Amino acid sequence: MNKLVETGSDGCRKQPTQEEVLSPGYTKMLDLQKQLGSHSGEGRHLLVFLDGTWNEDRTPIGEATPTNVLRMFHEIDKKPNPGKQPHIIARYYRGVGNRQDNKYLNRLWYGFNGEDEQRIRQAAFAGLYSDYKSVNDVIYIIGFSRGAASARLLARDLCKDGFPPNLEVETRHYPNFLTGQIEARIVWVRRHNECADKTVFPKVKFLGCWDTVDAFVLPSRFPADDSKDKVARWFKNIAPRLLGKERFRGDENQIPQKVEQAVHCVAIDETRNAFLPTLMPAAKNVEEVWFPGVHSDVGGGYGDNKLAGEAYDFMRVFLEKESKKENQIDPISFNSKGKNSESYCFHYHGLNTGMERTKEFFGFGTNMRKIRVLNGAPGAKPKIHSSIFTVIGNGNVFAANKKNKRTWRVTYDPYNFREFNDGFEIVDTERRDL
């Protein structure tokens, strides 16, 4: 009889040996030239989707609505055309502090300062690296909130440093804290540039962001008090390990010229200083447009998603249009179009009053956003989406209560738009392409 279980002299089972269990992790060296030599050379669309804080791809039925990032990931048609190889490779990455990757305390900590962003971005970089099989492949990077900031950093990494000849990747096994399933997660990557002349700079075709928030530090902000804001930034700079590191200062905030098209949908009605948008500096390859709604009204995540649908459709049209410019690759298409709610619902955060004003001492104050163009030429006008007039003239507009339930019928009349006297440009969604 075969011996199924090995036991010790006391009859107890011995500890598992390396022959019986997998190693908790492994390291792999990727070789770019071997990858490029193993493919036919036909180009493909490589898409990366980076979600926002606490956002993820798996939630109990009825608990949450997908963000625009997750919605687009699901709705893109990834099936190859008949008789052809797959021309779309898409990867989705959960946001910092999500329930599946983190236990409770890490969820709170990463949700507070976004510390886990670099690991997620490295995983996305490694995913793109392993998917890159031809110099004709083109890259699209999509993100929301902190995920949008991460998307911009990833685009910057690709345009500045490219793909090295070799990439060392360490992967470890972790349980999914929501489902219990075992997942292989990339924990770090290391570039090997011994043959720097073999570095490859991939084509970054598209960068799409919904309401970028650069909150990878203690998210305290004092936009109305310059002296306090400087002190807060000073504290962040002397304790980067604890409070994070600012990564969108000065020239670092520029969208690389190698990014062929960048699109940024910005929320008009968000008031929390910790969610101040990181605008894209004006450039020929940047289309930045302001939309009605607060942060997640524009980026998605609420059940009443008609506002998010406006920003989603705008991004979708741009993505499809850019993909059609790649004549050697079948364009990106969508296999379904999710439904939007019938009425507009705002999830306002208001302004701090009374005892709530104590939050401002810690940098968690509230102010209305100023609609503007960052580093624009003299006379540059901010772009506002035409849906603002649809909402202003609509009698079916609501405001949600603190439980995000549609409660009060309101008249939409945003003060920062109504008092805007410097002029603006109205932009529409080319719905004929939908």
Foldseek 3Di string as FASTA:
>chain_A
DDDPFDDDPVRHGDDDDCVGDPDQKDKDKDFLVVLQVVDPQFAAEEEEFFEAQQADDDDPPPPKDHWLSNVVLVFWDQDDDPPDDGRYHYDYDYYQLHQFPDDDVRSVQCSQQVQCLVQRLQQVVVVVSNVDRHLRYEYAYEYEAQRLVSSQVSQVCLQPQNAARMKMWMWGWDAGNVPRDIDIGTRDMDHDRPPVVPGRRHQHAEREYEQYAQRNFRLAADVVDVVVRVVVVVVCVVCCVRGNDGQCPDPSLERDPSHQAYEYEHEQFAWWSSSAGSDHADDPRYHYAYFYAYRCQCRHMALQNPRVVQNSLQVVLVQQVSQVVSVSGDTIDTPDDDDHDPAAEYAHPDFDDDPSCVVVVRRGGTDGDAQDHHNDDVLDAHEYEPCLVVQQPDQRYFYADPVSHTDGGDHDDDPNVVPDDSDHHYDYRPVVSD
